Amino acid sequence: MAKSHPAPLYDDVLSRPTFWARNATAGIAVLLSIITLAILSNAPAAHRLAGLVAQSFGALELPEVPLSRNQQPAEVDPNLAKYRAIGEHLARRYRVSAEMTTQVVAKAYDVGRELKLDPVLILAVIAVESRFNPIAESVMGAKGLMQVIPRYHPEKFMPFGGEQVAFETTANMTVGARILKEYIGRTGDLNDALQLYVGATNEETENGYSAKVIAERERLQTVVRQLQSRAVIQQQAQARDRKSTRLNSSHVKRSRM
């Protein structure tokens, strides 16, 4: 039989540590407000009270609120530093937000892993198509980072909510990368696939599009290699520092014996 009355507040709504923490915080806020008003009125007693409160804050201890079972620490992507470095390079080159380009780089690597497509190629297409402008739109109706024309690929947008999400980063990049992947599989040649992607029928009508994408891809690959080399050098230097610290520590211990 169901209970006729709800459970007590402490059991169903707030745990005791959380309850006391919130009430203590609220009490402090009220006290500080009163002191502030008194100080503004230039009351000498208020100044003395403020000093006493400031001294007592160091001794004040609030109960520690534990994480709930469903609340887990956020995982940090080990490649975040690489994504940020590439994003900052792109932001400088195309004069856009580094935060935005870093997010685009991370998404390119996610989509690339999912589709088994080079993420640097995805970024190169974005660079040539929209210069990392997520709201770019052409007179032909091509939209977003990868300049996809939604009416030509409605079925690919369906899993994301339809053609109206064409400017959304994840939808746009995933659909654009899928189209490019299909064209590569169909033609067996990257240049031909890029011609299809831009809607050209031959090299004469593509206006050098394939060459631009491939050149940008090579530039980005050079940047990635340089970043990886720097990371290796930093790791080696850190390893040497740790080894040196251990040796010095051992030497000190032997000297004391």
Protein backbone atom coordinates (compact mmCIF):
# COMPACT_ATOMS: atom_id res chain seq x y z
CA MET A 1 0.00 0.00 0.00
CA ALA A 2 1.34 3.45 -0.85
CA LYS A 3 2.31 5.82 1.94
CA SER A 4 -0.37 8.36 2.81
CA HIS A 5 2.18 11.05 3.75
CA PRO A 6 5.41 12.11 2.09
CA ALA A 7 8.71 11.22 3.71
CA PRO A 8 10.33 13.83 6.00
CA LEU A 9 12.23 16.63 4.33
CA TYR A 10 15.64 15.39 5.58
CA ASP A 11 15.11 11.96 4.05
CA ASP A 12 13.66 12.83 0.65
CA VAL A 13 14.87 16.31 -0.26
CA LEU A 14 18.10 17.27 1.43
CA SER A 15 20.81 15.34 3.22
CA ARG A 16 21.80 16.81 6.59
CA PRO A 17 25.30 17.97 5.44
CA THR A 18 23.79 19.78 2.44
CA PHE A 19 21.07 21.33 4.65
CA TRP A 20 23.56 22.68 7.19
CA ALA A 21 25.95 23.91 4.47
CA ARG A 22 23.19 25.86 2.74
CA ASN A 23 21.87 27.36 5.98
CA ALA A 24 25.36 28.32 7.15
CA THR A 25 26.06 30.00 3.82
CA ALA A 26 22.76 31.86 3.94
CA GLY A 27 23.47 33.00 7.51
CA ILE A 28 26.88 34.33 6.53
CA ALA A 29 25.36 36.22 3.62
CA VAL A 30 22.77 37.87 5.87
CA LEU A 31 25.42 38.78 8.47
CA LEU A 32 27.69 40.32 5.86
CA SER A 33 24.77 42.34 4.47
CA ILE A 34 24.00 43.74 7.93
CA ILE A 35 27.66 44.61 8.52
CA THR A 36 27.92 46.29 5.12
CA LEU A 37 24.88 48.48 5.80
CA ALA A 38 26.25 49.44 9.20
CA ILE A 39 29.68 50.30 7.77
CA LEU A 40 28.05 52.47 5.13
CA SER A 41 26.31 54.33 7.97
CA ASN A 42 29.79 54.78 9.58
CA ALA A 43 28.91 53.00 12.83
CA PRO A 44 32.09 52.32 14.91
CA ALA A 45 30.64 49.15 16.41
CA ALA A 46 30.06 47.81 12.92
CA HIS A 47 33.75 48.21 12.05
CA ARG A 48 34.76 46.25 15.14
CA LEU A 49 32.21 43.53 14.32
CA ALA A 50 33.51 43.30 10.76
CA GLY A 51 37.03 42.71 12.05
CA LEU A 52 35.86 39.95 14.37
CA VAL A 53 33.93 38.23 11.58
CA ALA A 54 36.91 38.40 9.21
CA GLN A 55 39.13 36.79 11.85
CA SER A 56 36.63 34.03 12.57
CA PHE A 57 36.19 32.98 8.94
CA GLY A 58 39.42 31.00 9.08
CA ALA A 59 38.04 28.84 11.88
CA LEU A 60 34.65 28.28 10.23
CA GLU A 61 34.21 24.76 8.89
CA LEU A 62 31.32 23.72 6.72
CA PRO A 63 30.40 20.08 6.26
CA GLU A 64 31.75 18.56 3.07
CA VAL A 65 29.00 17.62 0.65
CA PRO A 66 29.86 14.30 -1.03
CA LEU A 67 29.22 13.59 -4.69
CA SER A 68 26.09 11.63 -5.41
CA ARG A 69 26.42 8.15 -6.84
CA ASN A 70 25.38 9.36 -10.28
CA GLN A 71 27.68 12.38 -10.19
CA GLN A 72 31.09 11.37 -11.57
CA PRO A 73 34.13 13.58 -12.24
CA ALA A 74 34.27 14.79 -15.83
CA GLU A 75 36.76 12.96 -18.02
CA VAL A 76 39.49 15.04 -19.63
CA ASP A 77 40.36 14.24 -23.24
CA PRO A 78 44.12 13.47 -23.34
CA ASN A 79 44.27 15.08 -26.79
CA LEU A 80 42.79 18.38 -25.62
CA ALA A 81 46.15 20.16 -25.66
CA LYS A 82 46.72 19.11 -29.27
CA TYR A 83 43.23 20.21 -30.29
CA ARG A 84 43.75 23.56 -28.58
CA ALA A 85 47.11 24.12 -30.28
CA ILE A 86 45.67 23.33 -33.73
CA GLY A 87 42.63 25.47 -32.95
CA GLU A 88 44.79 28.43 -31.97
CA HIS A 89 46.76 28.09 -35.21
CA LEU A 90 43.53 28.09 -37.23
CA ALA A 91 42.14 31.01 -35.24
CA ARG A 92 45.20 33.12 -36.03
CA ARG A 93 45.16 32.13 -39.69
CA TYR A 94 41.46 32.76 -40.29
CA ARG A 95 40.91 35.45 -37.62
CA VAL A 96 38.14 33.68 -35.77
CA SER A 97 37.52 32.56 -32.20
CA ALA A 98 40.11 30.12 -30.84
CA GLU A 99 37.47 28.56 -28.60
CA MET A 100 35.29 27.85 -31.63
CA THR A 101 38.10 26.45 -33.77
CA THR A 102 39.26 24.21 -30.90
CA GLN A 103 35.75 22.76 -30.68
CA VAL A 104 35.70 22.25 -34.45
CA VAL A 105 39.08 20.49 -34.35
CA ALA A 106 37.89 18.15 -31.59
CA LYS A 107 34.71 17.39 -33.54
CA ALA A 108 36.72 16.75 -36.72
CA TYR A 109 38.76 14.12 -34.88
CA ASP A 110 35.59 12.57 -33.42
CA VAL A 111 33.89 12.39 -36.82
CA GLY A 112 37.10 11.19 -38.48
CA ARG A 113 37.39 8.29 -36.03
CA GLU A 114 33.75 7.38 -36.55
CA LEU A 115 33.91 7.45 -40.36
CA LYS A 116 37.55 6.38 -40.73
CA LEU A 117 38.26 9.62 -42.55
CA ASP A 118 41.32 11.84 -42.10
CA PRO A 119 40.29 14.61 -39.65
CA VAL A 120 42.87 16.95 -41.15
CA LEU A 121 41.14 16.54 -44.52
CA ILE A 122 37.84 17.50 -42.87
CA LEU A 123 39.47 20.62 -41.44
CA ALA A 124 41.01 21.47 -44.83
CA VAL A 125 37.59 21.28 -46.51
CA ILE A 126 36.14 23.56 -43.82
CA ALA A 127 39.00 26.02 -44.29
CA VAL A 128 38.38 26.30 -48.04
CA GLU A 129 34.59 26.11 -47.91
CA SER A 130 33.74 28.52 -45.09
CA ARG A 131 36.99 29.77 -43.52
CA PHE A 132 35.62 28.43 -40.22
CA ASN A 133 32.48 30.53 -40.32
CA PRO A 134 29.73 28.30 -38.84
CA ILE A 135 26.93 30.50 -40.21
CA ALA A 136 28.28 30.85 -43.75
CA GLU A 137 25.65 30.51 -46.47
CA SER A 138 26.09 30.68 -50.24
CA VAL A 139 23.68 31.96 -52.85
CA MET A 140 23.12 28.32 -53.86
CA GLY A 141 21.94 27.42 -50.36
CA ALA A 142 25.11 25.74 -49.10
CA LYS A 143 25.22 26.13 -45.33
CA GLY A 144 27.55 25.94 -42.38
CA LEU A 145 31.17 24.98 -41.90
CA MET A 146 31.28 22.38 -44.68
CA GLN A 147 28.83 24.24 -46.95
CA VAL A 148 26.34 21.39 -47.32
CA ILE A 149 23.16 21.99 -49.36
CA PRO A 150 20.46 20.43 -47.12
CA ARG A 151 17.84 19.90 -49.84
CA TYR A 152 20.23 17.57 -51.69
CA HIS A 153 20.89 15.41 -48.60
CA PRO A 154 17.71 15.42 -46.47
CA GLU A 155 18.10 11.77 -45.44
CA LYS A 156 21.53 12.46 -43.93
CA PHE A 157 20.16 15.26 -41.76
CA MET A 158 17.22 13.21 -40.47
CA PRO A 159 19.13 11.60 -37.54
CA PHE A 160 19.97 15.12 -36.31
CA GLY A 161 16.47 16.55 -36.56
CA GLY A 162 16.07 17.47 -40.22
CA GLU A 163 17.36 20.12 -42.58
CA GLN A 164 16.74 22.94 -40.09
CA VAL A 165 19.86 21.92 -38.12
CA ALA A 166 22.18 22.42 -41.09
CA PHE A 167 24.10 25.18 -39.29
CA GLU A 168 24.63 23.08 -36.15
CA THR A 169 28.29 22.08 -35.89
CA THR A 170 27.92 18.36 -35.22
CA ALA A 171 25.20 17.85 -37.84
CA ASN A 172 26.95 19.90 -40.50
CA MET A 173 30.36 18.31 -40.03
CA THR A 174 29.03 14.76 -39.80
CA VAL A 175 26.88 15.11 -42.92
CA GLY A 176 29.62 16.88 -44.87
CA ALA A 177 32.18 14.24 -43.91
CA ARG A 178 29.77 11.43 -44.86
CA ILE A 179 29.23 12.97 -48.28
CA LEU A 180 32.97 13.31 -48.83
CA LYS A 181 33.55 9.74 -47.66
CA GLU A 182 30.95 8.45 -50.11
CA TYR A 183 32.52 10.38 -52.98
CA ILE A 184 35.97 9.01 -52.16
CA GLY A 185 34.55 5.49 -52.13
CA ARG A 186 32.71 6.08 -55.39
CA THR A 187 35.61 7.59 -57.33
CA GLY A 188 38.61 6.00 -55.61
CA ASP A 189 40.47 9.29 -56.01
CA LEU A 190 40.61 12.26 -53.65
CA ASN A 191 40.82 14.86 -56.44
CA ASP A 192 37.75 13.42 -58.18
CA ALA A 193 35.90 13.18 -54.88
CA LEU A 194 36.61 16.83 -54.10
CA GLN A 195 35.37 17.81 -57.56
CA LEU A 196 32.09 16.04 -56.82
CA TYR A 197 31.92 17.66 -53.40
CA VAL A 198 32.18 21.17 -54.84
CA GLY A 199 29.70 20.26 -57.58
CA ALA A 200 32.14 20.49 -60.49
CA THR A 201 31.98 18.18 -63.47
CA ASN A 202 35.66 18.43 -64.43
CA GLU A 203 38.94 20.13 -63.54
CA GLU A 204 38.12 23.15 -65.69
CA THR A 205 34.92 23.96 -63.79
CA GLU A 206 36.21 23.31 -60.27
CA ASN A 207 38.30 26.51 -60.24
CA GLY A 208 41.25 24.92 -58.49
CA TYR A 209 39.14 23.73 -55.55
CA SER A 210 40.83 20.33 -55.17
CA ALA A 211 44.31 21.86 -55.22
CA LYS A 212 43.30 24.38 -52.54
CA VAL A 213 41.94 21.69 -50.20
CA ILE A 214 44.96 19.43 -50.69
CA ALA A 215 47.38 22.32 -50.13
CA GLU A 216 45.56 23.30 -46.94
CA ARG A 217 45.62 19.69 -45.79
CA GLU A 218 49.39 19.56 -46.29
CA ARG A 219 49.84 22.81 -44.33
CA LEU A 220 47.78 21.46 -41.45
CA GLN A 221 49.64 18.15 -41.50
CA THR A 222 52.90 20.10 -41.14
CA VAL A 223 51.45 21.95 -38.14
CA VAL A 224 50.35 18.68 -36.54
CA ARG A 225 53.80 17.13 -37.05
CA GLN A 226 55.47 20.17 -35.50
CA LEU A 227 53.15 20.01 -32.49
CA GLN A 228 53.84 16.32 -32.05
CA SER A 229 57.60 16.92 -32.22
CA ARG A 230 57.35 19.64 -29.57
CA ALA A 231 55.29 17.35 -27.36
CA VAL A 232 57.92 14.59 -27.64
CA ILE A 233 60.72 17.04 -26.81
CA GLN A 234 58.80 18.31 -23.77
CA GLN A 235 58.14 14.76 -22.57
CA GLN A 236 61.82 13.88 -22.94
CA ALA A 237 62.84 17.00 -21.02
CA GLN A 238 60.36 16.20 -18.25
CA ALA A 239 61.68 12.64 -18.07
CA ARG A 240 65.26 13.93 -17.74
CA ASP A 241 64.16 16.35 -15.00
CA ARG A 242 62.45 13.57 -13.07
CA LYS A 243 65.51 11.32 -13.41
CA SER A 244 67.79 14.12 -12.26
CA THR A 245 65.54 14.78 -9.26
CA ARG A 246 65.62 11.10 -8.26
CA LEU A 247 69.42 10.97 -8.57
CA ASN A 248 69.84 14.11 -6.48
CA SER A 249 67.47 12.73 -3.87
CA SER A 250 69.43 9.45 -3.71
CA HIS A 251 72.70 11.35 -3.39
CA VAL A 252 71.35 13.40 -0.48
CA LYS A 253 70.14 10.27 1.31
CA ARG A 254 73.57 8.60 0.95
CA SER A 255 75.29 11.72 2.23
CA ARG A 256 73.22 11.67 5.40
CA MET A 257 73.99 8.01 6.11
